[in-house]
Amino acid sequence: MPVTLTKATLWSLTYDEDRDHDTGLYVIVTKPDRTTILAYMYNGEASGEYGYADNTENTADLKISDPPPTKDDCQDYCFRVGIQANSGTFPSGSISVGIDGVNIGLITTGNDKWRFGCEMRLQFSDGSTLPPKRVNGWQLESRGSVLTWADWICESHL
């Protein structure tokens, strides 16, 4: 039976600019080709209950692709992180809805800036791990509810 990916966790350290409670977190872990997805999180931790306060450590568990990738698939993996401010039901722009002749307009905009360092951790069915990949000194800024991505990380950058 092949050894497979059972857990992918993004550990982050927020610096002096928090991630707001209503900003969606996006994370993708891929093979080195940057197209074959191994694990992911889309619009995570944006329920209004979470936020990453200044000077705090946080973890976010990702969903593992189905079928689970093998440990061999995960060698030399890459990852990237993104945020989208106010990423709720209506993530960006304006929406007009007509109900019984009454027009209702919703304008969804949001702004957030997050300064952080992070580390991707992968764990496998036999309890083994791959060396984590880490980056320090990142800043992501989502303006007008636009999904903003950081660069791909395929090697640790300290």
Protein backbone atom coordinates (compact mmCIF):
# COMPACT_ATOMS: atom_id res chain seq x y z
CA MET A 1 0.00 0.00 0.00
CA PRO A 2 1.53 3.36 -0.98
CA VAL A 3 2.25 6.04 1.59
CA THR A 4 -0.20 8.92 1.03
CA LEU A 5 -0.67 12.51 2.13
CA THR A 6 -2.94 12.69 5.19
CA LYS A 7 -2.41 16.24 6.44
CA ALA A 8 -1.30 19.57 4.96
CA THR A 9 -1.05 22.48 7.40
CA LEU A 10 -0.18 26.12 6.84
CA TRP A 11 1.49 27.57 9.93
CA SER A 12 1.70 31.36 9.93
CA LEU A 13 3.11 34.12 12.10
CA THR A 14 1.29 37.42 11.71
CA TYR A 15 3.53 40.45 12.16
CA ASP A 16 2.24 43.98 12.77
CA GLU A 17 -0.67 43.93 10.25
CA ASP A 18 -3.44 41.42 10.96
CA ARG A 19 -5.60 39.35 8.61
CA ASP A 20 -9.17 40.55 9.13
CA HIS A 21 -11.85 38.16 10.39
CA ASP A 22 -13.84 38.43 7.15
CA THR A 23 -10.92 37.98 4.74
CA GLY A 24 -10.81 34.62 3.00
CA LEU A 25 -7.64 32.55 3.07
CA TYR A 26 -6.61 30.67 -0.09
CA VAL A 27 -3.79 28.11 -0.18
CA ILE A 28 -2.73 25.74 -2.94
CA VAL A 29 -0.12 22.98 -2.70
CA THR A 30 0.94 21.50 -6.03
CA LYS A 31 3.46 19.25 -7.71
CA PRO A 32 6.42 21.21 -9.14
CA ASP A 33 4.39 21.67 -12.35
CA ARG A 34 2.19 24.11 -10.35
CA THR A 35 -0.95 22.65 -11.93
CA THR A 36 -1.45 19.25 -10.23
CA ILE A 37 -3.16 20.13 -6.93
CA LEU A 38 -2.15 18.05 -3.88
CA ALA A 39 -4.01 20.02 -1.15
CA TYR A 40 -5.97 23.27 -1.01
CA MET A 41 -8.09 25.76 0.91
CA TYR A 42 -10.51 28.12 -0.83
CA ASN A 43 -12.13 31.00 1.06
CA GLY A 44 -11.11 29.43 4.34
CA GLU A 45 -11.46 30.95 7.78
CA ALA A 46 -13.66 33.82 6.62
CA SER A 47 -16.71 32.98 8.68
CA GLY A 48 -16.55 36.08 10.82
CA GLU A 49 -15.24 34.09 13.77
CA TYR A 50 -11.59 34.11 12.80
CA GLY A 51 -8.92 36.67 12.23
CA TYR A 52 -5.21 36.52 12.68
CA ALA A 53 -4.36 39.20 15.22
CA ASP A 54 -1.05 41.06 15.25
CA ASN A 55 1.89 39.05 16.61
CA THR A 56 0.09 35.69 16.69
CA GLU A 57 0.80 32.19 15.41
CA ASN A 58 -2.00 30.38 13.55
CA THR A 59 -2.51 27.10 11.73
CA ALA A 60 -4.94 26.18 8.96
CA ASP A 61 -5.50 22.61 7.78
CA LEU A 62 -6.03 22.16 4.06
CA LYS A 63 -8.27 19.73 2.22
CA ILE A 64 -6.36 16.82 0.67
CA SER A 65 -7.05 16.06 -3.01
CA ASP A 66 -9.04 12.92 -3.81
CA PRO A 67 -7.55 10.41 -4.33
CA PRO A 68 -4.86 11.32 -1.80
CA PRO A 69 -1.50 11.96 -3.47
CA THR A 70 1.38 9.62 -2.70
CA LYS A 71 4.51 10.72 -0.89
CA ASP A 72 6.36 10.43 -4.18
CA ASP A 73 3.80 12.84 -5.75
CA CYS A 74 4.60 15.37 -3.02
CA GLN A 75 8.38 15.45 -3.45
CA ASP A 76 9.55 18.95 -4.47
CA TYR A 77 6.06 20.40 -3.88
CA CYS A 78 5.26 24.09 -4.31
CA PHE A 79 2.70 26.25 -2.52
CA ARG A 80 1.18 29.70 -2.61
CA VAL A 81 -1.06 31.76 -0.34
CA GLY A 82 -3.74 34.29 -1.22
CA ILE A 83 -6.31 36.47 0.52
CA GLN A 84 -9.59 38.05 -0.53
CA ALA A 85 -11.04 40.81 1.65
CA ASN A 86 -14.73 40.49 2.58
CA SER A 87 -14.96 37.23 0.67
CA GLY A 88 -18.44 36.17 1.62
CA THR A 89 -21.48 35.32 -0.46
CA PHE A 90 -20.82 38.19 -2.86
CA PRO A 91 -17.02 38.39 -3.08
CA SER A 92 -16.57 41.45 -5.25
CA GLY A 93 -18.24 44.12 -7.35
CA SER A 94 -21.85 45.18 -7.30
CA ILE A 95 -25.00 43.15 -7.75
CA SER A 96 -28.49 44.41 -8.56
CA VAL A 97 -31.46 42.19 -7.85
CA GLY A 98 -35.06 42.94 -8.74
CA ILE A 99 -37.75 41.57 -6.43
CA ASP A 100 -41.41 42.37 -7.16
CA GLY A 101 -40.42 45.50 -9.09
CA VAL A 102 -38.08 46.77 -6.36
CA ASN A 103 -34.40 46.93 -7.25
CA ILE A 104 -31.97 46.10 -4.49
CA GLY A 105 -28.30 46.92 -4.96
CA LEU A 106 -25.48 45.28 -3.07
CA ILE A 107 -21.99 46.68 -3.29
CA THR A 108 -19.31 44.42 -1.92
CA THR A 109 -15.94 45.94 -1.36
CA GLY A 110 -13.29 45.23 1.15
CA ASN A 111 -9.70 46.02 1.93
CA ASP A 112 -7.17 44.09 3.97
CA LYS A 113 -3.41 43.96 4.36
CA TRP A 114 -1.69 41.00 6.02
CA ARG A 115 2.02 40.91 6.93
CA PHE A 116 3.24 37.44 7.82
CA GLY A 117 5.68 34.59 7.53
CA CYS A 118 4.50 31.05 6.93
CA GLU A 119 5.48 27.41 6.68
CA MET A 120 3.85 24.52 4.81
CA ARG A 121 3.89 21.19 6.64
CA LEU A 122 3.01 17.86 4.98
CA GLN A 123 2.35 14.62 6.90
CA PHE A 124 1.85 11.12 5.49
CA SER A 125 0.00 7.90 6.33
CA ASP A 126 3.13 6.29 7.78
CA GLY A 127 3.67 9.26 10.16
CA SER A 128 6.56 10.67 8.14
CA THR A 129 6.86 14.29 6.99
CA LEU A 130 8.71 16.18 4.29
CA PRO A 131 10.96 19.09 5.25
CA PRO A 132 8.69 22.14 5.65
CA LYS A 133 9.00 25.05 3.23
CA ARG A 134 9.11 28.45 4.88
CA VAL A 135 9.07 32.10 3.88
CA ASN A 136 9.40 35.26 5.98
CA GLY A 137 8.46 38.86 5.33
CA TRP A 138 5.44 38.49 3.07
CA GLN A 139 2.75 41.13 2.64
CA LEU A 140 -0.54 40.53 0.85
CA GLU A 141 -3.00 43.32 0.16
CA SER A 142 -6.54 42.76 -1.13
CA ARG A 143 -8.22 45.96 -2.34
CA GLY A 144 -11.81 46.11 -3.54
CA SER A 145 -12.35 42.45 -2.62
CA VAL A 146 -9.84 41.26 -5.22
CA LEU A 147 -8.22 37.87 -4.63
CA THR A 148 -4.48 38.56 -4.30
CA TRP A 149 -1.85 35.81 -4.50
CA ALA A 150 1.72 35.68 -3.23
CA ASP A 151 4.50 34.23 -5.36
CA TRP A 152 4.94 30.46 -5.61
CA ILE A 153 7.24 28.95 -2.99
CA CYS A 154 9.09 25.86 -4.16
CA GLU A 155 12.07 26.30 -1.82
CA SER A 156 12.37 27.81 1.66
CA HIS A 157 13.15 31.54 1.72
CA LEU A 158 14.30 32.76 5.12
